[in-house]
Structures are given as structure tokens and as C-alpha cells.
N, C-alpha and C. Protein backbone atom coordinates (compact mmCIF):
# COMPACT_ATOMS: atom_id res chain seq x y z
N ALA A 1 0.97 -0.96 0.46
CA ALA A 1 -0.40 0.01 0.05
C ALA A 1 1.02 1.57 -0.18
N ALA A 2 1.80 1.04 0.70
CA ALA A 2 2.83 2.42 1.07
C ALA A 2 3.36 2.79 -0.32
N GLY A 3 3.86 1.56 -1.06
CA GLY A 3 4.12 1.72 -2.63
C GLY A 3 3.26 2.58 -3.74
N GLN A 4 2.02 1.79 -3.41
CA GLN A 4 1.09 2.36 -4.33
C GLN A 4 0.88 4.05 -4.20
N ALA A 5 0.70 4.24 -2.89
CA ALA A 5 0.85 5.53 -2.53
C ALA A 5 1.59 6.47 -2.77
N ALA A 6 2.79 6.01 -2.99
CA ALA A 6 4.35 6.69 -3.29
C ALA A 6 4.05 6.70 -4.53
N LEU A 7 3.35 5.76 -5.32
CA LEU A 7 3.30 6.13 -6.89
C LEU A 7 2.32 6.91 -7.47
N LEU A 8 1.17 6.69 -6.93
CA LEU A 8 0.22 7.95 -6.94
C LEU A 8 0.89 9.19 -6.97
N ASP A 9 1.11 9.76 -5.50
CA ASP A 9 1.95 10.71 -5.29
C ASP A 9 3.03 11.11 -6.47
N SER A 10 3.75 10.45 -7.07
CA SER A 10 4.79 10.91 -8.23
C SER A 10 4.15 11.13 -9.35
N ALA A 11 2.90 10.02 -9.37
CA ALA A 11 2.26 10.64 -10.62
C ALA A 11 1.68 11.95 -10.67
N LYS A 12 1.17 12.30 -9.48
CA LYS A 12 0.37 13.87 -9.57
C LYS A 12 1.23 14.68 -9.36
N ARG A 13 2.53 14.90 -8.65
CA ARG A 13 3.55 15.36 -8.98
C ARG A 13 4.12 15.71 -10.54
N VAL A 14 4.22 14.30 -11.05
CA VAL A 14 4.31 14.79 -12.81
C VAL A 14 3.30 15.50 -13.47
N LEU A 15 1.90 15.40 -12.96
CA LEU A 15 1.34 15.47 -13.75
C LEU A 15 0.91 17.20 -13.52
N SER A 16 1.27 17.51 -12.58
CA SER A 16 1.16 18.95 -11.98
C SER A 16 2.23 20.06 -12.72
N ARG A 17 3.21 19.23 -12.97
CA ARG A 17 4.30 20.27 -13.54
C ARG A 17 4.38 19.96 -15.23
N ALA A 18 3.47 18.74 -15.73
CA ALA A 18 3.24 19.33 -16.98
C ALA A 18 1.78 19.89 -17.40
N HIS A 19 1.32 20.62 -16.13
CA HIS A 19 0.07 21.30 -16.47
C HIS A 19 0.71 22.50 -17.00
N THR A 20 -0.75 23.40 -17.97
CA THR A 20 -0.27 24.28 -18.96
C THR A 20 -1.67 24.52 -19.14
N THR A 21 -1.64 26.25 -19.04
CA THR A 21 -2.68 26.82 -19.95
C THR A 21 -2.35 28.13 -20.99
N ASP A 22 -0.91 27.74 -20.97
CA ASP A 22 -0.14 28.39 -22.24
C ASP A 22 -0.83 28.08 -23.71
N ARG A 23 -1.16 29.17 -24.05
CA ARG A 23 -1.93 29.05 -25.51
C ARG A 23 -1.36 28.56 -26.58
N THR A 24 0.18 29.24 -26.76
CA THR A 24 1.15 29.11 -27.65
C THR A 24 1.65 27.48 -27.76
N ILE A 25 1.70 26.62 -26.71
CA ILE A 25 1.87 25.29 -26.39
C ILE A 25 0.39 24.62 -26.76
N ASP A 26 -0.63 25.11 -26.37
CA ASP A 26 -1.77 24.30 -26.45
C ASP A 26 -3.20 25.36 -27.19
N PRO A 27 -2.95 25.66 -28.07
CA PRO A 27 -3.70 26.85 -28.67
C PRO A 27 -5.04 26.39 -28.78
N ARG A 28 -5.64 25.32 -28.57
CA ARG A 28 -7.48 25.22 -28.20
C ARG A 28 -7.36 24.95 -26.99
N GLY A 29 -6.32 24.63 -25.83
CA GLY A 29 -7.04 24.15 -24.79
C GLY A 29 -7.46 22.85 -24.20
N ASP A 30 -6.71 21.92 -25.35
CA ASP A 30 -7.60 20.62 -25.37
C ASP A 30 -6.60 20.00 -23.98
N LEU A 31 -5.34 20.17 -23.65
CA LEU A 31 -4.99 19.51 -22.99
C LEU A 31 -5.85 19.42 -21.55
N LEU A 32 -6.45 20.93 -20.97
CA LEU A 32 -7.08 20.29 -19.94
C LEU A 32 -7.78 19.21 -19.82
N GLY A 33 -8.55 18.92 -21.18
CA GLY A 33 -9.86 17.84 -20.60
C GLY A 33 -9.00 16.49 -21.09
N TRP A 34 -7.73 16.48 -21.03
CA TRP A 34 -6.64 15.45 -21.21
C TRP A 34 -6.39 15.34 -19.24
N GLU A 35 -6.13 16.53 -19.23
CA GLU A 35 -5.69 16.48 -17.51
C GLU A 35 -6.95 15.81 -16.86
N ALA A 36 -7.96 16.35 -16.95
CA ALA A 36 -8.92 16.31 -16.28
C ALA A 36 -9.31 14.72 -16.11
N PHE A 37 -8.97 14.04 -17.32
CA PHE A 37 -9.13 12.46 -17.50
C PHE A 37 -8.35 11.84 -16.50
N VAL A 38 -7.10 12.54 -16.38
CA VAL A 38 -5.64 11.65 -15.50
C VAL A 38 -5.99 11.66 -14.10
N ARG A 39 -6.76 13.08 -13.86
CA ARG A 39 -7.05 13.61 -12.54
C ARG A 39 -8.21 12.39 -11.90
N ALA A 40 -8.99 12.58 -12.74
CA ALA A 40 -10.34 11.68 -12.22
C ALA A 40 -9.91 10.28 -12.05
N GLN A 41 -8.69 9.71 -13.08
CA GLN A 41 -8.07 8.04 -12.86
C GLN A 41 -7.36 8.30 -11.56
N LEU A 42 -7.00 9.21 -11.08
CA LEU A 42 -6.00 9.51 -9.80
C LEU A 42 -6.37 9.51 -9.05
N GLY A 43 -8.17 9.82 -8.70
CA GLY A 43 -8.86 10.10 -7.87
C GLY A 43 -8.82 11.46 -7.57
N ASP A 44 -8.29 12.62 -8.36
CA ASP A 44 -8.24 13.72 -7.95
C ASP A 44 -9.77 14.32 -8.51
N LYS A 45 -10.73 14.28 -7.58
CA LYS A 45 -11.74 14.74 -7.93
C LYS A 45 -12.03 16.03 -8.29
N LYS A 46 -11.83 16.89 -7.20
CA LYS A 46 -11.57 18.60 -7.29
C LYS A 46 -11.17 18.94 -8.67
N GLY A 47 -9.93 18.61 -8.60
CA GLY A 47 -8.97 19.09 -9.93
C GLY A 47 -9.56 18.70 -11.32
N ALA A 48 -10.05 17.48 -11.37
CA ALA A 48 -10.67 16.84 -12.43
C ALA A 48 -12.03 17.93 -12.94
N VAL A 49 -12.58 18.25 -11.85
CA VAL A 49 -13.73 18.89 -11.94
C VAL A 49 -13.47 20.30 -12.36
N ASP A 50 -12.69 21.15 -11.64
CA ASP A 50 -12.16 22.41 -11.82
C ASP A 50 -11.69 22.35 -13.33
N LEU A 51 -10.64 21.75 -14.03
CA LEU A 51 -10.29 21.58 -15.36
C LEU A 51 -11.73 21.25 -16.05
N LEU A 52 -12.46 20.31 -15.98
CA LEU A 52 -13.55 20.03 -16.98
C LEU A 52 -14.54 21.47 -17.09
N ASN A 53 -14.57 21.99 -15.67
CA ASN A 53 -15.39 23.43 -15.87
C ASN A 53 -14.68 24.07 -16.78
N GLN A 54 -13.53 24.28 -16.33
CA GLN A 54 -12.55 25.36 -17.49
C GLN A 54 -12.73 25.02 -18.77
N TYR A 55 -12.53 23.53 -19.39
CA TYR A 55 -12.53 23.05 -20.68
C TYR A 55 -13.99 23.49 -21.23
N LEU A 56 -15.15 23.00 -20.41
CA LEU A 56 -15.87 23.22 -21.17
C LEU A 56 -16.56 24.77 -21.55
N THR A 57 -16.30 25.51 -20.16
CA THR A 57 -16.26 27.07 -20.33
C THR A 57 -15.67 27.25 -21.69
N ASP A 58 -14.46 26.84 -21.84
CA ASP A 58 -13.57 27.38 -23.13
C ASP A 58 -14.22 26.71 -24.53
N HIS A 59 -14.94 25.60 -24.19
CA HIS A 59 -15.20 24.81 -25.61
C HIS A 59 -16.99 24.48 -24.82
N PRO A 60 -17.52 25.33 -25.16
CA PRO A 60 -19.31 25.10 -24.98
C PRO A 60 -20.13 24.15 -26.03
N GLU A 61 -19.23 24.00 -27.33
CA GLU A 61 -19.77 22.81 -28.16
C GLU A 61 -19.88 21.77 -27.71
N HIS A 62 -18.63 21.23 -26.82
CA HIS A 62 -18.59 20.23 -26.17
C HIS A 62 -19.93 19.50 -25.36
N ARG A 63 -20.03 20.48 -24.58
CA ARG A 63 -21.04 20.30 -23.47
C ARG A 63 -22.24 19.43 -23.31
N ALA A 64 -22.88 19.59 -24.87
CA ALA A 64 -23.95 18.86 -25.24
C ALA A 64 -23.49 17.47 -25.17
N GLY A 65 -22.61 17.14 -25.67
CA GLY A 65 -22.56 15.76 -25.69
C GLY A 65 -21.51 14.86 -25.06
N PHE A 66 -20.85 15.78 -24.07
CA PHE A 66 -19.84 15.58 -23.24
C PHE A 66 -20.19 14.18 -22.27
N SER A 67 -21.26 14.08 -21.63
CA SER A 67 -21.38 12.98 -20.84
C SER A 67 -21.79 11.23 -21.67
N LYS A 68 -22.08 11.81 -22.79
CA LYS A 68 -22.41 10.42 -23.60
C LYS A 68 -20.79 10.01 -24.56
N ILE A 69 -20.21 10.64 -24.55
CA ILE A 69 -19.01 10.12 -25.24
C ILE A 69 -17.51 9.85 -23.83
N ASN A 70 -17.21 8.87 -24.37
CA ASN A 70 -16.02 7.59 -23.70
C ASN A 70 -16.77 8.07 -22.21
N PRO A 71 -17.97 7.67 -21.81
CA PRO A 71 -18.65 7.94 -19.81
C PRO A 71 -17.47 7.01 -19.25
N TRP A 72 -16.80 5.77 -19.47
CA TRP A 72 -16.03 5.55 -18.45
C TRP A 72 -14.98 6.19 -18.34
N TRP A 73 -14.40 7.21 -19.03
CA TRP A 73 -13.71 8.45 -18.52
C TRP A 73 -13.72 8.96 -17.03
N TRP A 74 -15.05 8.89 -16.87
CA TRP A 74 -15.97 10.12 -16.21
C TRP A 74 -16.15 9.34 -14.72
N ARG A 75 -16.08 7.74 -14.97
CA ARG A 75 -17.04 7.01 -13.60
C ARG A 75 -16.35 7.48 -12.85
N PRO A 76 -14.96 7.76 -12.32
CA PRO A 76 -14.84 8.03 -10.68
C PRO A 76 -15.22 9.34 -10.46
N LEU A 77 -16.33 9.95 -11.18
CA LEU A 77 -16.79 11.36 -11.21
C LEU A 77 -18.22 11.48 -11.15
N GLN A 78 -18.95 10.15 -10.94
CA GLN A 78 -20.36 10.05 -11.26
C GLN A 78 -20.97 10.58 -10.11
N ASP A 79 -20.23 10.34 -9.01
CA ASP A 79 -21.27 10.40 -7.30
C ASP A 79 -20.72 12.08 -6.87
N ASP A 80 -19.97 12.63 -7.79
CA ASP A 80 -19.46 13.79 -7.31
C ASP A 80 -20.67 15.13 -7.79
N ALA A 81 -20.91 15.80 -7.02
CA ALA A 81 -22.36 16.74 -6.95
C ALA A 81 -21.87 17.56 -8.46
N ARG A 82 -20.42 18.17 -7.96
CA ARG A 82 -20.14 19.30 -8.96
C ARG A 82 -19.80 18.74 -10.41
N PHE A 83 -19.68 17.61 -10.40
CA PHE A 83 -19.34 16.83 -11.92
C PHE A 83 -21.21 16.69 -12.39
N LYS A 84 -22.28 16.29 -11.92
CA LYS A 84 -23.23 15.92 -12.01
C LYS A 84 -24.01 17.36 -12.53
N SER A 85 -23.70 18.04 -11.65
CA SER A 85 -24.38 19.71 -12.57
C SER A 85 -23.37 20.34 -13.50
N LEU A 86 -22.26 19.84 -13.74
CA LEU A 86 -21.54 20.31 -14.93
C LEU A 86 -22.06 19.65 -16.30
N ILE A 87 -22.27 18.42 -16.07
CA ILE A 87 -22.82 17.47 -17.03
C ILE A 87 -24.19 17.78 -17.21
N ALA A 88 -25.25 18.30 -16.40
CA ALA A 88 -26.51 18.38 -16.47
C ALA A 88 -26.81 19.50 -17.50
N THR A 89 -25.98 20.22 -17.33
CA THR A 89 -26.19 21.57 -18.07
C THR A 89 -25.73 21.74 -19.71
N GLY A 90 -25.61 20.68 -20.05
CA GLY A 90 -24.98 20.03 -21.14
C GLY A 90 -26.64 19.70 -22.23
């Protein structure tokens, strides 16, 4: 268990260092969606929902079909009230 926790912490540190909102690196801001997916899988619900909120604000055209496409990606967030609210507006 301690080894798994260390790997999880390491993965979160790598993810934090890779985070960018620099539009010269990611002109469309698509990395926010990918980072949200990874954070969801790592159990960082707050971080994932925060990023999804930003992503869907930047890409409102994705909101309508969001919960229908790749729903397994967001399975760790299904019981999160903020996530439910976010996708209910689609």
C-alpha cells in the first residue's frame, strides 16, 4: 500500500509539472480535458472537475455530448455533485 501511495504521489507531481494553460503550447486548450481525465483516474475529483469546468467553458460546443462520449473516463466522478451539475447543463 505504501508503494502504491508513493507511485500515486509521484504521478500527481508529474501531472502538476506538466500542467499548462499557455495557448502557445496548446492553442485550443485541449490539454485541459486530457489532464481532467488523468486526474479523475488518479482520484483527484476536485482537480478533475475544476479542469472540466474550465474546458467546457472554453469549449461550450462540447457540453451537449460530453457525458455520452467516453463515459467510462468520468466514472470516478459520477457521484460528485459538482460533476453532475456540470454535465446536467449540457
